[in-house]
Amino acid sequence: MDSQKSQKGFSRRGFIKGAAVGIGAAVAGVGLKEASAVLPPKKWTMETDVVIVGFGGAGATAAMEAHDAGAKVLVLEKAPSNLPGGNTGCCAGYILPPSNAEDGFKYYKALGSGSVTDDELIRTFVDALMSVPEWLKKLGMPVDVIARERPGAFPKLPGAKVDYVRVVGGGVEAFKILLKETQARKIKVMYETPVKKLIQNPESGAVLGVVAESKGKSIFIKSKRGVILACGGYENNMEMQSNFNFPGLKFYPWGTPYNTGDGVLMSMAAGAKIWHLPSLELMSYTIKAATDQLGCSIPVGSFPNSGSFIYVNKYGKRFTEENKRLAHYKGPVEVTFFDHEKAEYPNIPFFMIFDETYKKQGPLVPKNYLPGQVSGWAVVQKIVEEWSADNSKEIDKGWIKKADTIANLAKAVGISPEGLSATISSYNEYQGKGQDPEFGRAAKTLLPIHTPPYYAMELGLCVINTQGGPVHDAQSRVLDIDNKPIPRLYAAGELGSFFGHLYQGGNNFPEALAFGRIAGKNAAKLTPWKS
């Protein structure tokens, strides 16, 4: 039984000590103090059986399952009511589950690269992923099976066989149905209500509820059975990015702007063991000035049959093959290269250089990422539709710089004029010879850059999502630093994802649904605690 017993002799310092073990100085700069767990209040604002933090795919499915298991459910969501869904609501909607359980176990254990050693968790993960397509069909989602038993993203690993499935219309259509299902169950969702802290029993460590903020006031919500953290990763927390990835580099989020690492910090403060924090999923480059102003990643597109463009650094040098696919890429990324001798990232800042011919091809942002699939926050929210067809408005806004000569263009954006001129001269020679000896760019894309005026657009790095957070077991229970469950605390989705390094595309979406269901069922089974 979890109860509010005497607090005599209780040390707050001792209470949160476990959260800091193994984390070290990195925690100090990312808000652990603000997220630290607190004691039960003398008076609760409201109570329910299961509190779910976050209303994306994981949160919605957890709410549905907990409700269907007989629990009273309350969902708390930071975003406003017109922007629910988290990253599920703007994902591509692909589901690539293992083709069979036996091969799947081998493949997913290998994908863990030694970071996931719990065989029960791996087997549960595989079985749960395989069940998602049929479960979605039962909900009435338009699910297409594209292919069976295709090679996985890493075909040289054992058991790399996956099925290709998708929700027609992408995650935005999937979440519409999840939203409809939660509304049909009359599950209460409180929007614009960010959760700030977990409330714990000082003796047992059991999570008894949460402190949230609603209309500028703190509210204390009792959760008689359990709390499920389904509030995503930290891709919108730049301080955490710098601490856990590449210091000094900024990655612009492709997905929801509401994933700010809250669940990572709260679970740490509650004593959770943390894993996979450095793991992030890259996307294509983003247009920096537009992204800074609009508040979400504005992706740059490319026209493979009209390649009068290059990418250069501040020295005016090319540093990568321009059509290199970065989505979920795990190899070396040239932009992030750090020069030890110069103590700098030589390829930051970096720019797209192109001529009038390329500019006339059409808008420099894609209206969608994948044919027939709506994906990405800027696409789902129709932000990219505002980009002008001839790019003229963006030139007027200063997002794209324009000049009559290469030298003047270089000066306008702070690139070495000599370096840029030499690079374009060499590139144009490669076009004449039909080969790129530096980076092996396809010959058909090597169109010359020689039609004035010339243009430069600063680019940035883009991240789809992060994977790190609290370790959970096969039952979605959050584990402490001794690998024991923290009573009444669960996690699902991208918060503490299974994937610590190698990621099988088309898996975060079904992972959110699969472990959201598991967390919801298990939290609802718990015996309510009594005060």
Protein backbone atom coordinates (compact mmCIF):
# COMPACT_ATOMS: atom_id res chain seq x y z
CA MET A 1 0.00 0.00 0.00
CA ASP A 2 1.28 3.50 -0.88
CA SER A 3 0.35 6.04 1.74
CA GLN A 4 1.23 9.51 2.89
CA LYS A 5 3.13 8.55 6.01
CA SER A 6 5.03 10.79 8.36
CA GLN A 7 7.61 12.99 6.69
CA LYS A 8 9.72 13.27 9.85
CA GLY A 9 13.38 12.89 9.08
CA PHE A 10 12.75 12.89 5.35
CA SER A 11 15.63 14.42 3.36
CA ARG A 12 14.65 16.00 0.07
CA ARG A 13 18.28 15.78 -0.98
CA GLY A 14 18.25 12.05 -0.35
CA PHE A 15 14.93 11.69 -2.10
CA ILE A 16 16.25 12.83 -5.48
CA LYS A 17 19.81 11.59 -5.03
CA GLY A 18 19.21 8.48 -7.11
CA ALA A 19 18.20 10.54 -10.11
CA ALA A 20 21.64 12.04 -10.42
CA VAL A 21 23.61 8.81 -10.24
CA GLY A 22 25.40 8.17 -13.51
CA ILE A 23 24.15 11.39 -15.06
CA GLY A 24 26.83 13.71 -13.76
CA ALA A 25 27.31 17.31 -14.76
CA ALA A 26 25.19 16.98 -17.89
CA VAL A 27 22.04 17.11 -15.78
CA ALA A 28 22.87 20.40 -14.14
CA GLY A 29 22.26 22.38 -17.27
CA VAL A 30 19.01 20.81 -18.42
CA GLY A 31 16.50 21.59 -15.72
CA LEU A 32 16.58 18.62 -13.31
CA LYS A 33 15.96 20.92 -10.36
CA GLU A 34 12.83 22.34 -11.98
CA ALA A 35 11.51 18.84 -12.75
CA SER A 36 12.41 17.29 -9.36
CA ALA A 37 9.78 15.02 -7.84
CA VAL A 38 7.75 16.42 -4.95
CA LEU A 39 5.91 15.18 -1.87
CA PRO A 40 2.15 14.54 -1.87
CA PRO A 41 0.17 17.73 -1.25
CA LYS A 42 -2.16 18.23 1.68
CA LYS A 43 -5.00 18.74 -0.77
CA TRP A 44 -5.36 17.33 -4.30
CA THR A 45 -6.97 19.41 -7.03
CA MET A 46 -8.53 16.37 -8.71
CA GLU A 47 -8.11 12.63 -8.92
CA THR A 48 -8.37 9.82 -11.43
CA ASP A 49 -7.16 6.24 -11.86
CA VAL A 50 -4.57 6.71 -14.60
CA VAL A 51 -2.87 9.94 -15.65
CA ILE A 52 -1.34 9.98 -19.11
CA VAL A 53 1.19 12.69 -19.95
CA GLY A 54 1.13 13.47 -23.67
CA PHE A 55 -1.54 12.98 -26.34
CA GLY A 56 0.31 11.53 -29.30
CA GLY A 57 0.10 7.98 -30.61
CA ALA A 58 1.45 6.44 -27.40
CA GLY A 59 -0.75 8.56 -25.15
CA ALA A 60 -3.92 7.98 -27.15
CA THR A 61 -3.51 4.20 -27.30
CA ALA A 62 -2.59 4.05 -23.61
CA ALA A 63 -5.74 6.02 -22.79
CA MET A 64 -7.91 3.71 -24.89
CA GLU A 65 -6.53 0.53 -23.36
CA ALA A 66 -6.64 1.82 -19.78
CA HIS A 67 -10.23 2.93 -20.27
CA ASP A 68 -11.24 -0.39 -21.82
CA ALA A 69 -9.66 -2.16 -18.84
CA GLY A 70 -12.02 -0.31 -16.52
CA ALA A 71 -9.89 2.63 -15.37
CA LYS A 72 -10.88 6.27 -15.21
CA VAL A 73 -8.38 8.10 -17.42
CA LEU A 74 -7.16 11.68 -17.65
CA VAL A 75 -4.82 12.84 -20.42
CA LEU A 76 -2.69 15.97 -19.96
CA GLU A 77 -1.32 17.60 -23.12
CA LYS A 78 0.96 20.60 -23.44
CA ALA A 79 -0.22 21.56 -26.95
CA PRO A 80 -3.48 23.39 -27.69
CA SER A 81 -6.54 21.43 -28.80
CA ASN A 82 -5.99 22.21 -32.49
CA LEU A 83 -2.47 20.72 -32.45
CA PRO A 84 -2.66 17.27 -30.84
CA GLY A 85 -0.99 14.12 -32.09
CA GLY A 86 2.67 14.64 -31.25
CA ASN A 87 5.06 13.12 -33.77
CA THR A 88 2.50 10.44 -34.60
CA GLY A 89 0.25 13.15 -36.01
CA CYS A 90 2.85 14.25 -38.53
CA CYS A 91 4.75 11.02 -39.28
CA ALA A 92 4.70 9.26 -42.64
CA GLY A 93 2.55 6.45 -41.28
CA TYR A 94 4.83 3.61 -42.35
CA ILE A 95 4.92 0.40 -40.32
CA LEU A 96 7.77 -2.02 -41.00
CA PRO A 97 7.32 -4.81 -38.48
CA PRO A 98 9.42 -8.00 -38.41
CA SER A 99 8.17 -10.62 -40.86
CA ASN A 100 8.28 -13.32 -38.19
CA ALA A 101 9.05 -13.55 -34.50
CA GLU A 102 12.12 -15.80 -34.75
CA ASP A 103 13.98 -13.64 -37.25
CA GLY A 104 12.68 -10.53 -35.58
CA PHE A 105 14.28 -11.42 -32.26
CA LYS A 106 17.68 -11.87 -33.93
CA TYR A 107 17.35 -8.67 -35.93
CA TYR A 108 16.20 -6.41 -33.10
CA LYS A 109 18.77 -7.78 -30.71
CA ALA A 110 21.44 -6.93 -33.29
CA LEU A 111 19.93 -3.47 -33.84
CA GLY A 112 20.38 -2.80 -30.13
CA SER A 113 24.17 -2.87 -30.60
CA GLY A 114 24.51 -4.17 -27.06
CA SER A 115 22.39 -1.40 -25.52
CA VAL A 116 19.33 -3.64 -25.06
CA THR A 117 20.10 -6.86 -23.18
CA ASP A 118 16.64 -7.72 -21.85
CA ASP A 119 15.54 -10.64 -24.04
CA GLU A 120 12.00 -10.52 -22.68
CA LEU A 121 11.73 -6.89 -23.74
CA ILE A 122 13.08 -7.67 -27.21
CA ARG A 123 10.63 -10.55 -27.73
CA THR A 124 7.74 -8.46 -26.43
CA PHE A 125 8.78 -5.61 -28.69
CA VAL A 126 8.85 -7.88 -31.75
CA ASP A 127 5.48 -9.48 -31.00
CA ALA A 128 3.89 -6.10 -30.26
CA LEU A 129 5.15 -4.54 -33.51
CA MET A 130 3.82 -7.47 -35.51
CA SER A 131 0.35 -7.02 -33.98
CA VAL A 132 -0.03 -3.32 -34.85
CA PRO A 133 -1.28 -3.53 -38.48
CA GLU A 134 -4.18 -5.84 -37.60
CA TRP A 135 -5.08 -3.74 -34.58
CA LEU A 136 -5.22 -0.63 -36.76
CA LYS A 137 -7.43 -2.41 -39.26
CA LYS A 138 -9.87 -3.25 -36.46
CA LEU A 139 -10.05 0.48 -35.71
CA GLY A 140 -11.02 1.12 -39.32
CA MET A 141 -7.76 2.64 -40.48
CA PRO A 142 -6.95 2.34 -44.20
CA VAL A 143 -3.90 0.10 -43.97
CA ASP A 144 -2.02 -1.05 -47.09
CA VAL A 145 0.32 -4.03 -47.14
CA ILE A 146 2.94 -3.04 -49.71
CA ALA A 147 5.27 -6.04 -49.50
CA ARG A 148 6.20 -8.99 -47.33
CA GLU A 149 9.61 -10.24 -46.20
CA ARG A 150 11.76 -7.49 -47.63
CA PRO A 151 15.31 -6.77 -46.42
CA GLY A 152 15.43 -4.49 -43.41
CA ALA A 153 17.32 -1.21 -43.17
CA PHE A 154 20.43 -3.17 -42.20
CA PRO A 155 20.22 -6.29 -44.41
CA LYS A 156 23.57 -7.70 -43.29
CA LEU A 157 22.32 -8.18 -39.74
CA PRO A 158 20.83 -11.57 -38.83
CA GLY A 159 17.07 -11.92 -39.34
CA ALA A 160 16.69 -8.67 -41.29
CA LYS A 161 13.26 -9.37 -42.76
CA VAL A 162 10.45 -6.82 -42.50
CA ASP A 163 7.00 -6.30 -43.97
CA TYR A 164 6.17 -2.98 -45.62
CA VAL A 165 2.85 -1.58 -44.40
CA ARG A 166 1.46 1.93 -44.29
CA VAL A 167 -1.53 3.89 -43.09
CA VAL A 168 -2.87 5.62 -46.18
CA GLY A 169 -2.53 9.37 -45.68
CA GLY A 170 0.16 9.09 -43.04
CA GLY A 171 0.14 9.72 -39.33
CA VAL A 172 -2.19 12.68 -39.61
CA GLU A 173 -4.95 10.34 -40.79
CA ALA A 174 -4.01 7.73 -38.21
CA PHE A 175 -4.29 10.20 -35.36
CA LYS A 176 -7.68 11.42 -36.55
CA ILE A 177 -9.00 7.92 -35.91
CA LEU A 178 -7.19 7.62 -32.56
CA LEU A 179 -8.70 10.96 -31.57
CA LYS A 180 -12.14 9.78 -32.64
CA GLU A 181 -11.70 6.60 -30.58
CA THR A 182 -10.72 8.51 -27.44
CA GLN A 183 -13.63 10.90 -27.89
CA ALA A 184 -16.05 7.98 -28.34
CA ARG A 185 -14.88 6.69 -24.95
CA LYS A 186 -15.40 10.14 -23.44
CA ILE A 187 -11.82 10.21 -22.19
CA LYS A 188 -11.02 13.62 -20.77
CA VAL A 189 -8.10 15.46 -22.38
CA MET A 190 -6.85 18.67 -20.82
CA TYR A 191 -4.98 20.72 -23.43
CA GLU A 192 -2.46 23.47 -22.73
CA THR A 193 -1.76 21.68 -19.46
CA PRO A 194 1.95 20.82 -19.26
CA VAL A 195 3.04 18.46 -16.52
CA LYS A 196 5.85 19.90 -14.45
CA LYS A 197 6.66 17.34 -11.78
CA LEU A 198 5.90 13.84 -10.57
CA ILE A 199 4.56 13.35 -7.05
CA GLN A 200 6.14 10.44 -5.16
CA ASN A 201 5.70 8.63 -1.91
CA PRO A 202 8.91 9.51 0.02
CA GLU A 203 9.29 5.98 1.43
CA SER A 204 8.29 3.64 -1.39
CA GLY A 205 9.13 5.93 -4.32
CA ALA A 206 5.73 5.12 -5.83
CA VAL A 207 4.41 7.75 -8.21
CA LEU A 208 1.15 9.03 -6.77
CA GLY A 209 0.30 11.76 -9.24
CA VAL A 210 1.57 14.84 -11.01
CA VAL A 211 1.88 18.59 -10.70
CA ALA A 212 0.63 20.30 -13.83
CA GLU A 213 0.06 23.87 -14.90
CA SER A 214 -3.38 24.97 -16.07
CA LYS A 215 -4.35 28.56 -16.85
CA GLY A 216 -1.25 29.81 -15.07
CA LYS A 217 -1.90 27.89 -11.85
CA SER A 218 -0.39 24.71 -10.42
CA ILE A 219 -2.79 21.82 -10.05
CA PHE A 220 -2.18 18.59 -8.15
CA ILE A 221 -3.67 15.50 -9.77
CA LYS A 222 -3.89 12.24 -7.87
CA SER A 223 -3.41 9.11 -9.94
CA LYS A 224 -4.72 6.19 -7.89
CA ARG A 225 -3.30 3.49 -10.16
CA GLY A 226 -0.45 4.86 -12.24
CA VAL A 227 1.14 7.56 -14.38
CA ILE A 228 2.15 6.95 -17.99
CA LEU A 229 4.75 9.24 -19.54
CA ALA A 230 4.11 9.45 -23.28
CA CYS A 231 5.42 12.95 -23.93
CA GLY A 232 8.14 12.30 -26.52
CA GLY A 233 11.80 13.20 -26.67
CA TYR A 234 13.92 16.32 -26.29
CA GLU A 235 14.36 17.46 -29.90
CA ASN A 236 13.04 20.95 -29.07
CA ASN A 237 15.31 21.42 -26.06
CA MET A 238 18.48 22.97 -27.44
CA GLU A 239 20.31 22.79 -24.14
CA MET A 240 19.74 19.04 -23.95
CA GLN A 241 20.76 18.69 -27.59
CA SER A 242 24.07 20.34 -26.85
CA ASN A 243 24.68 18.23 -23.74
CA PHE A 244 23.84 14.88 -25.29
CA ASN A 245 24.93 15.23 -28.92
CA PHE A 246 27.22 17.73 -30.67
CA PRO A 247 28.12 20.68 -28.43
CA GLY A 248 27.60 23.94 -30.26
CA LEU A 249 25.45 22.48 -33.05
CA LYS A 250 21.72 23.05 -33.37
CA PHE A 251 19.35 20.50 -34.88
CA TYR A 252 16.01 21.85 -36.04
CA PRO A 253 13.03 19.58 -35.28
CA TRP A 254 11.01 18.11 -38.15
CA GLY A 255 8.11 17.09 -35.91
CA THR A 256 5.97 18.61 -33.19
CA PRO A 257 7.47 21.67 -31.46
CA TYR A 258 6.07 20.46 -28.12
CA ASN A 259 8.64 17.72 -27.44
CA THR A 260 10.97 19.50 -25.05
CA GLY A 261 12.37 16.70 -22.92
CA ASP A 262 9.94 17.08 -20.02
CA GLY A 263 9.51 13.33 -19.60
CA VAL A 264 13.26 12.77 -19.64
CA LEU A 265 13.79 15.24 -16.83
CA MET A 266 10.83 14.14 -14.71
CA SER A 267 11.75 10.49 -14.91
CA MET A 268 15.36 11.25 -14.03
CA ALA A 269 14.20 13.23 -11.02
CA ALA A 270 12.09 10.26 -9.95
CA GLY A 271 15.17 8.03 -9.97
CA ALA A 272 14.86 6.45 -13.41
CA LYS A 273 17.72 4.79 -15.20
CA ILE A 274 18.31 6.56 -18.51
CA TRP A 275 19.31 5.14 -21.88
CA HIS A 276 19.76 6.09 -25.55
CA LEU A 277 20.11 9.83 -24.93
CA PRO A 278 22.67 10.41 -27.74
CA SER A 279 20.44 8.64 -30.27
CA LEU A 280 18.71 10.94 -32.72
CA GLU A 281 17.16 10.44 -36.15
CA LEU A 282 18.32 12.83 -38.83
CA MET A 283 16.23 14.26 -41.66
CA SER A 284 17.13 16.33 -44.71
CA TYR A 285 18.62 19.81 -44.39
CA THR A 286 16.43 22.71 -43.36
CA ILE A 287 16.31 26.32 -44.59
CA LYS A 288 17.78 28.11 -41.60
CA ALA A 289 16.34 31.65 -41.88
CA ALA A 290 12.84 30.40 -42.62
CA THR A 291 13.04 27.82 -39.83
CA ASP A 292 14.25 30.40 -37.31
CA GLN A 293 11.40 32.72 -38.17
CA LEU A 294 8.57 30.20 -38.53
CA GLY A 295 9.51 28.03 -35.57
CA CYS A 296 9.63 24.65 -37.29
CA SER A 297 11.88 22.94 -39.81
CA ILE A 298 11.33 24.14 -43.38
CA PRO A 299 12.99 21.40 -45.45
CA VAL A 300 14.97 22.11 -48.58
CA GLY A 301 14.08 20.05 -51.63
CA SER A 302 16.13 19.16 -54.68
CA PHE A 303 15.35 18.46 -58.30
CA PRO A 304 17.39 15.41 -59.30
CA ASN A 305 17.15 16.16 -63.04
CA SER A 306 18.19 19.78 -62.71
CA GLY A 307 21.23 20.03 -60.53
CA SER A 308 22.65 23.52 -60.96
CA PHE A 309 23.32 23.79 -57.23
CA ILE A 310 25.98 22.83 -54.69
CA TYR A 311 26.47 22.90 -50.93
CA VAL A 312 29.48 24.79 -49.58
CA ASN A 313 30.92 25.81 -46.22
CA LYS A 314 32.15 29.25 -45.16
CA TYR A 315 35.39 28.61 -46.99
CA GLY A 316 33.46 28.22 -50.22
CA LYS A 317 34.36 24.52 -50.39
CA ARG A 318 32.05 21.63 -51.19
CA PHE A 319 32.10 19.07 -48.39
CA THR A 320 29.51 16.43 -49.35
CA GLU A 321 27.57 14.88 -52.20
CA GLU A 322 24.54 17.11 -52.42
CA ASN A 323 21.89 14.43 -52.99
CA LYS A 324 23.06 12.27 -50.11
CA ARG A 325 20.08 10.85 -48.21
CA LEU A 326 20.29 11.71 -44.52
CA ALA A 327 16.94 10.41 -43.22
CA HIS A 328 17.75 7.96 -40.40
CA TYR A 329 21.35 7.87 -41.65
CA LYS A 330 23.89 6.40 -39.21
CA GLY A 331 27.15 6.87 -41.11
CA PRO A 332 29.46 9.90 -40.96
CA VAL A 333 27.66 13.19 -41.58
CA GLU A 334 30.11 15.68 -43.01
CA VAL A 335 28.35 18.72 -41.58
CA THR A 336 29.06 17.50 -38.04
CA PHE A 337 32.78 16.93 -38.66
CA PHE A 338 34.89 18.64 -36.03
CA ASP A 339 38.42 19.78 -36.93
CA HIS A 340 40.49 19.20 -33.82
CA GLU A 341 43.44 21.28 -34.96
CA LYS A 342 41.29 24.31 -35.79
CA ALA A 343 38.91 23.63 -32.89
CA GLU A 344 35.86 24.27 -35.06
CA TYR A 345 33.13 22.69 -37.13
CA PRO A 346 34.53 23.79 -40.51
CA ASN A 347 31.26 23.03 -42.33
CA ILE A 348 29.14 25.23 -40.10
CA PRO A 349 27.67 27.50 -41.34
CA PHE A 350 26.89 25.94 -44.71
CA PHE A 351 24.99 27.16 -47.74
CA MET A 352 23.13 26.06 -50.83
CA ILE A 353 24.45 27.92 -53.89
CA PHE A 354 22.40 27.91 -57.10
CA ASP A 355 21.71 29.92 -60.22
CA GLU A 356 18.69 31.35 -62.01
CA THR A 357 18.08 28.11 -63.87
CA TYR A 358 17.63 26.19 -60.63
CA LYS A 359 15.57 28.96 -59.07
CA LYS A 360 13.06 28.76 -61.93
CA GLN A 361 12.45 25.03 -61.38
CA GLY A 362 9.88 25.83 -58.71
CA PRO A 363 9.59 26.28 -54.95
CA LEU A 364 12.67 25.25 -53.01
CA VAL A 365 10.65 23.32 -50.43
CA PRO A 366 8.73 20.11 -51.12
CA LYS A 367 4.97 20.16 -50.73
CA ASN A 368 5.34 16.70 -49.27
CA TYR A 369 8.13 14.29 -48.39
CA LEU A 370 6.67 11.10 -49.81
CA PRO A 371 4.13 10.60 -52.62
CA GLY A 372 0.67 10.20 -51.16
CA GLN A 373 1.87 10.49 -47.56
CA VAL A 374 1.47 13.65 -45.51
CA SER A 375 4.42 13.99 -43.15
CA GLY A 376 6.39 16.59 -41.23
CA TRP A 377 5.06 19.41 -39.06
CA ALA A 378 5.52 22.04 -41.77
CA VAL A 379 3.54 19.90 -44.23
CA VAL A 380 0.76 18.85 -41.86
CA GLN A 381 0.30 22.41 -40.63
CA LYS A 382 0.36 23.61 -44.27
CA ILE A 383 3.21 26.02 -43.56
CA VAL A 384 5.13 24.99 -46.69
CA GLU A 385 2.12 25.81 -48.85
CA GLU A 386 2.82 29.47 -48.20
CA TRP A 387 6.19 29.22 -49.98
CA SER A 388 5.98 31.14 -53.27
CA ALA A 389 6.05 29.17 -56.52
CA ASP A 390 8.96 31.20 -57.93
CA ASN A 391 10.77 31.77 -54.59
CA SER A 392 10.47 35.53 -55.06
CA LYS A 393 8.78 36.26 -51.74
CA GLU A 394 11.50 34.41 -49.88
CA ILE A 395 14.16 36.43 -51.69
CA ASP A 396 12.37 39.62 -50.64
CA LYS A 397 12.28 38.36 -47.03
CA GLY A 398 16.04 37.85 -47.10
CA TRP A 399 15.84 34.09 -46.59
CA ILE A 400 17.56 33.72 -49.94
CA LYS A 401 20.39 36.11 -50.87
CA LYS A 402 20.81 37.29 -54.46
CA ALA A 403 23.73 38.82 -56.39
CA ASP A 404 24.77 39.36 -60.01
CA THR A 405 28.22 37.82 -59.52
CA ILE A 406 29.63 34.90 -57.56
CA ALA A 407 32.08 37.18 -55.75
CA ASN A 408 29.35 39.57 -54.61
CA LEU A 409 27.17 36.67 -53.52
CA ALA A 410 29.99 35.28 -51.40
CA LYS A 411 30.55 38.65 -49.75
CA ALA A 412 26.83 39.00 -49.02
CA VAL A 413 26.72 35.83 -46.91
CA GLY A 414 30.24 35.74 -45.47
CA ILE A 415 31.76 33.06 -47.69
CA SER A 416 35.32 33.28 -49.04
CA PRO A 417 34.92 34.81 -52.52
CA GLU A 418 38.11 33.15 -53.78
CA GLY A 419 37.10 29.79 -52.39
CA LEU A 420 33.59 29.89 -53.82
CA SER A 421 34.74 31.05 -57.25
CA ALA A 422 37.31 28.24 -57.42
CA THR A 423 34.78 25.66 -56.28
CA ILE A 424 32.17 26.64 -58.85
CA SER A 425 34.80 26.65 -61.58
CA SER A 426 35.85 23.11 -60.65
CA TYR A 427 32.25 21.95 -60.36
CA ASN A 428 31.43 23.28 -63.83
CA GLU A 429 34.42 21.38 -65.21
CA TYR A 430 33.08 18.19 -63.61
CA GLN A 431 29.81 18.80 -65.42
CA GLY A 432 31.62 19.02 -68.73
CA LYS A 433 33.40 15.72 -68.06
CA GLY A 434 30.24 14.02 -66.76
CA GLN A 435 31.74 12.91 -63.45
CA ASP A 436 32.36 14.22 -59.97
CA PRO A 437 35.76 12.97 -58.74
CA GLU A 438 35.34 14.61 -55.33
CA PHE A 439 32.02 13.19 -54.14
CA GLY A 440 30.70 10.92 -56.86
CA ARG A 441 27.55 12.90 -57.53
CA ALA A 442 25.39 11.41 -60.29
CA ALA A 443 26.29 12.74 -63.74
CA LYS A 444 22.70 13.65 -64.63
CA THR A 445 22.55 16.09 -61.71
CA LEU A 446 25.78 17.91 -62.62
CA LEU A 447 24.20 20.82 -64.45
CA PRO A 448 26.43 23.90 -64.62
CA ILE A 449 26.05 26.90 -62.35
CA HIS A 450 26.49 29.71 -64.86
CA THR A 451 23.20 31.58 -65.30
CA PRO A 452 23.06 34.84 -63.31
CA PRO A 453 21.78 36.10 -60.98
CA TYR A 454 23.16 33.75 -58.35
CA TYR A 455 21.63 32.76 -55.03
CA ALA A 456 22.75 31.58 -51.59
CA MET A 457 20.60 30.11 -48.84
CA GLU A 458 21.98 29.15 -45.44
CA LEU A 459 20.97 25.65 -44.37
CA GLY A 460 20.72 23.89 -41.03
CA LEU A 461 20.63 20.37 -39.63
CA CYS A 462 17.27 18.71 -39.15
CA VAL A 463 16.27 15.99 -36.68
CA ILE A 464 13.12 13.88 -36.88
CA ASN A 465 13.15 12.83 -33.23
CA THR A 466 15.29 11.72 -30.33
CA GLN A 467 15.09 8.26 -28.78
CA GLY A 468 16.47 8.71 -25.29
CA GLY A 469 14.75 8.63 -21.95
CA PRO A 470 13.88 6.27 -19.10
CA VAL A 471 14.58 2.56 -19.44
CA HIS A 472 11.42 0.49 -19.39
CA ASP A 473 10.82 -3.24 -19.24
CA ALA A 474 8.52 -5.49 -21.27
CA GLN A 475 5.57 -4.26 -19.22
CA SER A 476 6.44 -0.60 -19.96
CA ARG A 477 7.37 -0.06 -16.31
CA VAL A 478 10.07 2.58 -15.79
CA LEU A 479 13.16 1.10 -14.13
CA ASP A 480 15.40 2.72 -11.54
CA ILE A 481 19.20 2.61 -11.44
CA ASP A 482 19.05 -0.87 -9.85
CA ASN A 483 16.85 -2.12 -12.72
CA LYS A 484 13.84 -2.32 -10.44
CA PRO A 485 10.46 -0.87 -11.44
CA ILE A 486 9.58 2.53 -10.01
CA PRO A 487 6.13 1.74 -8.61
CA ARG A 488 3.21 3.07 -10.67
CA LEU A 489 5.33 4.76 -13.34
CA TYR A 490 5.24 3.76 -17.02
CA ALA A 491 6.73 5.10 -20.25
CA ALA A 492 5.88 4.59 -23.91
CA GLY A 493 6.77 5.91 -27.36
CA GLU A 494 9.84 7.95 -28.24
CA LEU A 495 10.42 8.73 -24.56
CA GLY A 496 12.95 6.02 -23.76
CA SER A 497 12.56 4.29 -27.10
CA PHE A 498 13.94 0.82 -27.75
CA PHE A 499 16.33 2.22 -30.34
CA GLY A 500 19.72 3.26 -29.03
CA HIS A 501 21.73 3.49 -32.23
CA LEU A 502 20.59 1.52 -35.27
CA TYR A 503 17.01 2.31 -36.18
CA GLN A 504 14.73 0.31 -38.43
CA GLY A 505 12.69 2.83 -40.41
CA GLY A 506 8.95 2.64 -39.93
CA ASN A 507 9.24 1.57 -36.30
CA ASN A 508 8.81 4.56 -33.98
CA PHE A 509 5.18 4.93 -35.07
CA PRO A 510 4.17 1.32 -34.32
CA GLU A 511 6.41 1.33 -31.22
CA ALA A 512 4.34 4.20 -29.81
CA LEU A 513 1.11 2.33 -30.45
CA ALA A 514 2.40 -1.04 -29.23
CA PHE A 515 3.88 0.11 -25.93
CA GLY A 516 1.14 2.66 -25.39
CA ARG A 517 -1.28 -0.27 -25.37
CA ILE A 518 0.94 -2.29 -23.02
CA ALA A 519 1.37 0.62 -20.60
CA GLY A 520 -2.34 1.40 -20.57
CA LYS A 521 -3.37 -2.20 -19.84
CA ASN A 522 -0.81 -2.67 -17.08
CA ALA A 523 -1.43 0.63 -15.32
CA ALA A 524 -5.16 -0.07 -15.27
CA LYS A 525 -4.59 -3.45 -13.57
CA LEU A 526 -2.99 -1.94 -10.49
CA THR A 527 -4.84 -1.82 -7.19
CA PRO A 528 -5.68 1.80 -6.32
CA TRP A 529 -3.55 3.17 -3.52
CA LYS A 530 -5.20 4.59 -0.43
CA SER A 531 -4.20 7.59 1.61
